């Protein structure tokens, strides 16, 4: 996979400069940088306790990454994982399928001087029991950005989110409608297992608040006890 002629996407996180190399000539969508990852990172930067010390910060607890574990699903070029790492999510595993791993590893290596370490990577095909188990779930944060575009992958994706996130953890999702069929199925399945919170557009970073791109927070639905049912 060649990157020499690929455009570069710049992402400023705190006082750090990430440089994301994408391969638009690739047959794999994961080798391009999609807006959702940037929107998600800049939302987290806006309200992260490191940058927003106000007692009125509505997302201070949500975005407190101290001593938390995370995993990114379908990381592509790795922008979301690297951005959140710089915001304090220092224990994060970055995953994708085999054809995308060269692009992902290329970008992690490219940004190692900024990150000051090599982030952990792993191959993960959604709903693969062996691969999920090898990652050591559950995680406090499951990160996903622009991963809903093929109907056939929706059910494995939702199953993976559910199995990977801790009972008291959250899924941070950057979302843009790509396929009506995948969109419909995704929200139907998510509604069965997650409580869904949509972040108001006014709360996104003002420079990264694209009309067609949203950020969501998923939390596992609480199971009713027998006492509650009776």
Protein backbone atom coordinates (compact mmCIF):
# COMPACT_ATOMS: atom_id res chain seq x y z
CA UNK A 1 0.00 0.00 0.00
CA UNK A 2 1.52 3.32 -1.05
CA UNK A 3 1.05 6.59 0.77
CA UNK A 4 3.43 8.87 -1.08
CA UNK A 5 0.72 10.55 -3.17
CA UNK A 6 -1.98 10.49 -0.48
CA UNK A 7 -3.41 13.70 0.95
CA UNK A 8 -2.70 14.45 4.59
CA UNK A 9 -5.33 15.45 7.13
CA UNK A 10 -4.12 17.62 9.99
CA UNK A 11 -5.77 17.42 13.40
CA UNK A 12 -4.83 19.67 16.30
CA UNK A 13 -5.53 18.16 19.74
CA UNK A 14 -4.65 20.34 22.69
CA UNK A 15 -1.15 21.56 21.80
CA UNK A 16 -0.38 18.50 19.70
CA UNK A 17 -0.44 18.17 15.94
CA UNK A 18 -1.58 14.85 14.43
CA UNK A 19 -0.86 14.15 10.78
CA UNK A 20 -3.16 11.54 9.24
CA UNK A 21 -2.07 10.02 5.94
CA UNK A 22 -4.90 8.59 3.87
CA UNK A 23 -4.89 6.46 0.75
CA UNK A 24 -7.85 7.53 -1.36
CA UNK A 25 -6.81 5.15 -4.12
CA UNK A 26 -7.33 2.12 -1.92
CA UNK A 27 -10.30 -0.21 -2.34
CA UNK A 28 -10.83 -0.13 1.43
CA UNK A 29 -12.85 2.71 2.97
CA UNK A 30 -10.84 2.36 6.17
CA UNK A 31 -7.82 3.96 4.53
CA UNK A 32 -9.53 7.35 4.25
CA UNK A 33 -10.12 9.83 7.07
CA UNK A 34 -13.85 10.40 7.53
CA UNK A 35 -15.33 13.49 9.23
CA UNK A 36 -16.94 11.58 12.11
CA UNK A 37 -13.60 10.75 13.70
CA UNK A 38 -12.57 14.40 13.68
CA UNK A 39 -15.94 15.58 15.03
CA UNK A 40 -15.78 13.01 17.85
CA UNK A 41 -12.26 14.00 18.91
CA UNK A 42 -12.95 17.72 18.83
CA UNK A 43 -16.16 17.24 20.88
CA UNK A 44 -14.13 15.37 23.48
CA UNK A 45 -11.45 18.06 23.43
CA UNK A 46 -14.01 20.85 23.95
CA UNK A 47 -15.45 19.29 27.11
CA UNK A 48 -12.52 17.24 28.38
CA UNK A 49 -11.71 18.07 32.03
CA UNK A 50 -8.18 19.00 30.91
CA UNK A 51 -9.53 21.80 28.73
CA UNK A 52 -12.85 22.70 30.38
CA UNK A 53 -12.48 23.14 34.13
CA UNK A 54 -15.86 24.82 34.54
CA UNK A 55 -18.09 23.28 37.24
CA UNK A 56 -20.90 23.62 34.71
CA UNK A 57 -19.22 21.22 32.26
CA UNK A 58 -22.07 18.77 31.46
CA UNK A 59 -19.66 16.13 30.15
CA UNK A 60 -16.98 16.23 32.85
CA UNK A 61 -17.81 12.75 34.14
CA UNK A 62 -18.41 11.26 30.70
CA UNK A 63 -15.07 12.44 29.31
CA UNK A 64 -12.93 11.73 32.35
CA UNK A 65 -10.53 9.20 30.86
CA UNK A 66 -8.30 8.81 33.93
CA UNK A 67 -7.47 5.14 34.60
CA UNK A 68 -9.99 4.02 31.97
CA UNK A 69 -9.57 1.40 29.24
CA UNK A 70 -10.75 1.88 25.68
CA UNK A 71 -10.97 0.13 22.33
CA UNK A 72 -11.70 1.60 18.92
CA UNK A 73 -13.67 -0.49 16.44
CA UNK A 74 -12.96 0.00 12.75
CA UNK A 75 -10.24 2.54 13.49
CA UNK A 76 -9.18 3.08 9.88
CA UNK A 77 -6.38 5.65 9.88
CA UNK A 78 -6.50 5.84 13.68
CA UNK A 79 -7.38 9.50 14.13
CA UNK A 80 -10.06 9.01 16.78
CA UNK A 81 -7.93 6.69 18.91
CA UNK A 82 -4.88 8.95 18.72
CA UNK A 83 -6.93 12.03 19.53
CA UNK A 84 -8.58 10.45 22.56
CA UNK A 85 -5.23 9.10 23.71
CA UNK A 86 -3.88 12.65 23.77
CA UNK A 87 -6.95 13.64 25.81
CA UNK A 88 -6.12 11.13 28.53
CA UNK A 89 -7.43 7.75 27.33
CA UNK A 90 -3.95 6.31 27.71
CA UNK A 91 -4.94 2.62 27.70
CA UNK A 92 -6.54 2.09 24.31
CA UNK A 93 -6.45 -0.72 21.77
CA UNK A 94 -6.86 0.25 18.13
CA UNK A 95 -8.54 -2.36 15.92
CA UNK A 96 -9.54 -2.99 12.34
CA UNK A 97 -9.62 -5.76 9.73
CA UNK A 98 -6.48 -7.15 8.13
CA UNK A 99 -6.54 -5.14 4.85
CA UNK A 100 -6.65 -1.86 6.76
CA UNK A 101 -3.91 -2.65 9.29
CA UNK A 102 -1.02 -1.36 7.10
CA UNK A 103 -2.67 2.08 6.85
CA UNK A 104 -3.43 2.10 10.56
CA UNK A 105 0.08 1.09 11.60
CA UNK A 106 1.59 3.57 9.14
CA UNK A 107 -0.29 6.44 10.80
CA UNK A 108 0.50 5.31 14.32
CA UNK A 109 4.19 5.16 13.43
CA UNK A 110 3.97 8.52 11.65
CA UNK A 111 2.58 10.14 14.81
CA UNK A 112 4.72 8.32 17.36
CA UNK A 113 6.82 11.44 18.07
CA UNK A 114 3.60 13.19 19.15
CA UNK A 115 2.13 10.20 21.00
CA UNK A 116 5.49 9.31 22.58
CA UNK A 117 4.59 5.64 22.51
CA UNK A 118 3.29 2.93 20.22
CA UNK A 119 -0.44 2.39 20.70
CA UNK A 120 -1.61 -1.19 20.91
CA UNK A 121 -3.18 -2.59 17.75
CA UNK A 122 -5.16 -5.74 17.08
CA UNK A 123 -6.98 -7.32 14.19
CA UNK A 124 -10.69 -7.59 14.87
CA UNK A 125 -13.49 -8.88 12.71
CA UNK A 126 -16.70 -7.89 14.43
CA UNK A 127 -18.40 -10.60 16.48
CA UNK A 128 -15.35 -12.88 16.30
CA UNK A 129 -15.50 -14.48 19.72
CA UNK A 130 -11.82 -15.48 19.77
CA UNK A 131 -10.57 -12.06 18.67
CA UNK A 132 -12.83 -10.22 21.10
CA UNK A 133 -11.77 -12.43 23.99
CA UNK A 134 -8.10 -11.86 23.16
CA UNK A 135 -8.58 -8.12 23.68
CA UNK A 136 -9.61 -8.61 27.30
CA UNK A 137 -13.04 -7.00 27.57
CA UNK A 138 -14.92 -5.34 29.06
CA UNK A 139 -13.78 -1.79 28.28
CA UNK A 140 -14.82 1.47 29.89
CA UNK A 141 -14.99 3.10 26.46
CA UNK A 142 -15.82 1.60 23.08
CA UNK A 143 -15.05 4.10 20.32
CA UNK A 144 -16.53 3.94 16.83
CA UNK A 145 -16.61 6.57 14.09
CA UNK A 146 -18.32 6.26 10.72
CA UNK A 147 -18.65 2.48 10.85
CA UNK A 148 -22.28 2.05 9.73
CA UNK A 149 -22.45 1.80 5.96
CA UNK A 150 -23.00 -1.87 4.99
CA UNK A 151 -26.20 -3.57 6.14
CA UNK A 152 -24.56 -7.00 6.47
CA UNK A 153 -22.07 -5.72 9.04
CA UNK A 154 -24.57 -3.96 11.28
CA UNK A 155 -25.60 -6.89 13.45
CA UNK A 156 -22.00 -8.04 14.11
CA UNK A 157 -21.07 -4.45 14.93
CA UNK A 158 -23.84 -4.02 17.49
CA UNK A 159 -23.06 -7.42 19.02
CA UNK A 160 -19.42 -6.41 19.33
CA UNK A 161 -20.29 -3.08 20.96
CA UNK A 162 -22.53 -4.83 23.47
CA UNK A 163 -19.97 -7.49 24.36
CA UNK A 164 -16.98 -5.17 24.53
CA UNK A 165 -18.39 -2.37 26.68
CA UNK A 166 -18.57 -2.72 30.46
CA UNK A 167 -21.97 -2.64 32.16
CA UNK A 168 -21.13 0.83 33.47
CA UNK A 169 -19.13 1.84 30.40
CA UNK A 170 -20.09 3.86 27.34
CA UNK A 171 -19.91 3.67 23.58
CA UNK A 172 -18.80 6.94 21.97
CA UNK A 173 -20.09 6.98 18.41
CA UNK A 174 -19.42 9.40 15.60
CA UNK A 175 -22.21 8.88 13.09
CA UNK A 176 -23.21 9.90 9.59
CA UNK A 177 -25.94 8.32 7.49
CA UNK A 178 -24.34 6.33 4.68
CA UNK A 179 -26.93 3.68 3.79
CA UNK A 180 -30.68 3.90 4.56
CA UNK A 181 -30.87 0.12 5.01
CA UNK A 182 -27.88 -0.03 7.35
CA UNK A 183 -29.14 3.06 9.18
CA UNK A 184 -32.57 1.56 9.85
CA UNK A 185 -31.24 -1.78 11.09
CA UNK A 186 -28.52 -0.20 13.21
CA UNK A 187 -30.87 2.00 15.20
CA UNK A 188 -33.41 -0.80 15.57
CA UNK A 189 -30.78 -3.14 17.07
CA UNK A 190 -29.13 -0.45 19.19
CA UNK A 191 -32.50 0.48 20.68
CA UNK A 192 -32.86 -3.08 21.96
CA UNK A 193 -29.65 -3.10 24.00
CA UNK A 194 -28.59 0.51 24.60
CA UNK A 195 -29.97 3.70 26.05
CA UNK A 196 -29.06 6.31 23.45
CA UNK A 197 -28.06 9.92 24.12
CA UNK A 198 -27.57 12.26 21.19
CA UNK A 199 -25.16 15.11 21.81
CA UNK A 200 -26.77 18.45 20.83
CA UNK A 201 -25.06 20.06 17.86
CA UNK A 202 -24.52 23.19 19.92
CA UNK A 203 -22.27 21.13 22.18
CA UNK A 204 -20.00 19.97 19.39
CA UNK A 205 -16.82 21.89 18.68
CA UNK A 206 -17.93 24.98 16.72
CA UNK A 207 -15.30 24.37 14.04
CA UNK A 208 -16.28 20.69 13.74
CA UNK A 209 -20.07 20.76 13.85
CA UNK A 210 -21.02 19.45 10.44
CA UNK A 211 -24.77 19.35 9.89
CA UNK A 212 -24.76 15.75 8.66
CA UNK A 213 -22.49 14.36 11.41
CA UNK A 214 -23.60 13.47 14.95
CA UNK A 215 -22.09 12.20 18.18
CA UNK A 216 -23.94 9.69 20.34
CA UNK A 217 -23.38 8.10 23.72
CA UNK A 218 -24.64 4.56 24.27
CA UNK A 219 -25.06 2.93 27.67
CA UNK A 220 -26.24 -0.60 28.26
CA UNK A 221 -29.87 -0.90 29.24
CA UNK A 222 -30.29 -1.89 32.85
CA UNK A 223 -31.84 -5.32 33.29
CA UNK A 224 -34.92 -5.32 35.48
CA UNK A 225 -34.73 -7.50 38.57
CA UNK A 226 -37.45 -9.99 39.47
CA UNK A 227 -38.53 -7.66 42.29
CA UNK A 228 -39.09 -4.83 39.82
CA UNK A 229 -41.07 -7.10 37.53
CA UNK A 230 -43.38 -8.29 40.27
